[in-house]
Amino acid sequence: MTYQVRLTEDARQDLRRHYAYMLEWDEDASEKALDTITSAMEILKRLPFSCRKAPGNNALMRELVIPFGSTGYVALFRVDGSDTVTVAAIRYQREDDYH
């Protein structure tokens, strides 16, 4: 079974924000971070239930941990039925509002 991976507008804005932030420091690192995030999300096409459950009672809300350097990112997503995964947010693990 293969799932279609969709990103909400908030998740797309998260990607742009992370890219822009990294771009201020290091152009190569910003490209590498974007590549790392998009490559990691490929697992959602085949194995979304292999990711950890997100906090709360909804078993269909999951988190994909994406290592990057000494920290990384976390993609919050929901499994929508038998054929779609929706990425709701992408957070950097050192963000002030990261939980």
Protein backbone atom coordinates (compact mmCIF):
# COMPACT_ATOMS: atom_id res chain seq x y z
CA MET A 1 0.00 0.00 0.00
CA THR A 2 1.25 3.47 -0.87
CA TYR A 3 0.01 6.64 0.77
CA GLN A 4 -0.18 10.05 -0.85
CA VAL A 5 1.63 12.63 1.29
CA ARG A 6 0.05 16.09 1.47
CA LEU A 7 1.29 19.15 3.34
CA THR A 8 -1.04 21.69 4.88
CA GLU A 9 -0.35 25.35 4.19
CA ASP A 10 0.99 25.63 7.75
CA ALA A 11 3.48 22.84 7.09
CA ARG A 12 4.57 24.53 3.84
CA GLN A 13 5.08 27.77 5.76
CA ASP A 14 7.11 25.88 8.35
CA LEU A 15 9.40 24.56 5.60
CA ARG A 16 9.84 28.05 4.13
CA ARG A 17 10.54 29.50 7.59
CA HIS A 18 13.15 26.85 8.44
CA TYR A 19 14.80 27.26 5.06
CA ALA A 20 14.92 31.07 5.36
CA TYR A 21 16.34 30.85 8.88
CA MET A 22 19.10 28.45 7.84
CA LEU A 23 19.80 30.51 4.73
CA GLU A 24 20.79 33.44 6.95
CA TRP A 25 23.57 31.32 8.43
CA ASP A 26 24.68 28.89 5.76
CA GLU A 27 23.31 28.40 2.24
CA ASP A 28 24.63 24.84 1.95
CA ALA A 29 23.14 23.86 5.30
CA SER A 30 19.74 25.28 4.32
CA GLU A 31 19.69 23.15 1.16
CA LYS A 32 20.87 20.13 3.10
CA ALA A 33 18.18 20.62 5.78
CA LEU A 34 15.44 20.91 3.17
CA ASP A 35 16.71 17.78 1.39
CA THR A 36 16.89 15.90 4.69
CA ILE A 37 13.32 16.81 5.63
CA THR A 38 11.82 15.97 2.24
CA SER A 39 13.79 12.72 1.99
CA ALA A 40 12.73 11.65 5.48
CA MET A 41 9.08 12.23 4.64
CA GLU A 42 9.36 9.57 1.93
CA ILE A 43 8.87 6.95 4.66
CA LEU A 44 5.34 8.29 5.13
CA LYS A 45 4.43 6.97 1.68
CA ARG A 46 4.89 3.39 2.82
CA LEU A 47 5.19 3.15 6.60
CA PRO A 48 3.38 5.97 8.38
CA PHE A 49 2.43 3.73 11.31
CA SER A 50 6.11 3.05 12.02
CA CYS A 51 6.39 6.59 13.41
CA ARG A 52 5.71 7.36 17.05
CA LYS A 53 2.27 8.37 18.25
CA ALA A 54 1.82 12.07 18.93
CA PRO A 55 0.74 13.15 22.41
CA GLY A 56 -3.00 12.89 22.92
CA ASN A 57 -5.62 10.25 22.36
CA ASN A 58 -5.72 10.19 18.56
CA ALA A 59 -3.85 7.08 17.36
CA LEU A 60 -3.83 8.47 13.81
CA MET A 61 -1.75 11.52 14.82
CA ARG A 62 1.93 10.65 14.54
CA GLU A 63 5.36 12.25 14.66
CA LEU A 64 8.24 11.62 12.32
CA VAL A 65 11.59 12.39 13.96
CA ILE A 66 14.06 13.75 11.39
CA PRO A 67 17.67 13.84 12.63
CA PHE A 68 19.80 16.75 11.38
CA GLY A 69 23.21 17.36 12.87
CA SER A 70 23.12 17.34 16.66
CA THR A 71 19.38 18.14 16.70
CA GLY A 72 16.70 17.76 14.07
CA TYR A 73 13.10 18.28 13.11
CA VAL A 74 9.77 16.67 13.95
CA ALA A 75 6.96 16.40 11.41
CA LEU A 76 3.48 16.12 12.92
CA PHE A 77 1.12 14.24 10.62
CA ARG A 78 -2.23 12.48 10.49
CA VAL A 79 -3.11 9.28 8.67
CA ASP A 80 -6.29 10.07 6.71
CA GLY A 81 -7.94 6.85 5.71
CA SER A 82 -6.22 4.14 3.76
CA ASP A 83 -4.44 6.26 1.18
CA THR A 84 -3.47 9.71 2.47
CA VAL A 85 -1.10 11.17 5.04
CA THR A 86 -1.39 14.88 5.88
CA VAL A 87 1.62 16.69 7.35
CA ALA A 88 0.29 19.41 9.66
CA ALA A 89 3.50 20.96 11.01
CA ILE A 90 7.28 20.72 10.91
CA ARG A 91 9.16 21.91 13.98
CA TYR A 92 12.83 22.37 14.72
CA GLN A 93 13.73 20.67 17.99
CA ARG A 94 15.38 23.81 19.39
CA GLU A 95 12.47 26.17 18.69
CA ASP A 96 11.11 28.06 21.68
CA ASP A 97 7.62 26.61 21.22
CA TYR A 98 8.77 23.04 20.56
CA HIS A 99 7.02 20.54 22.85
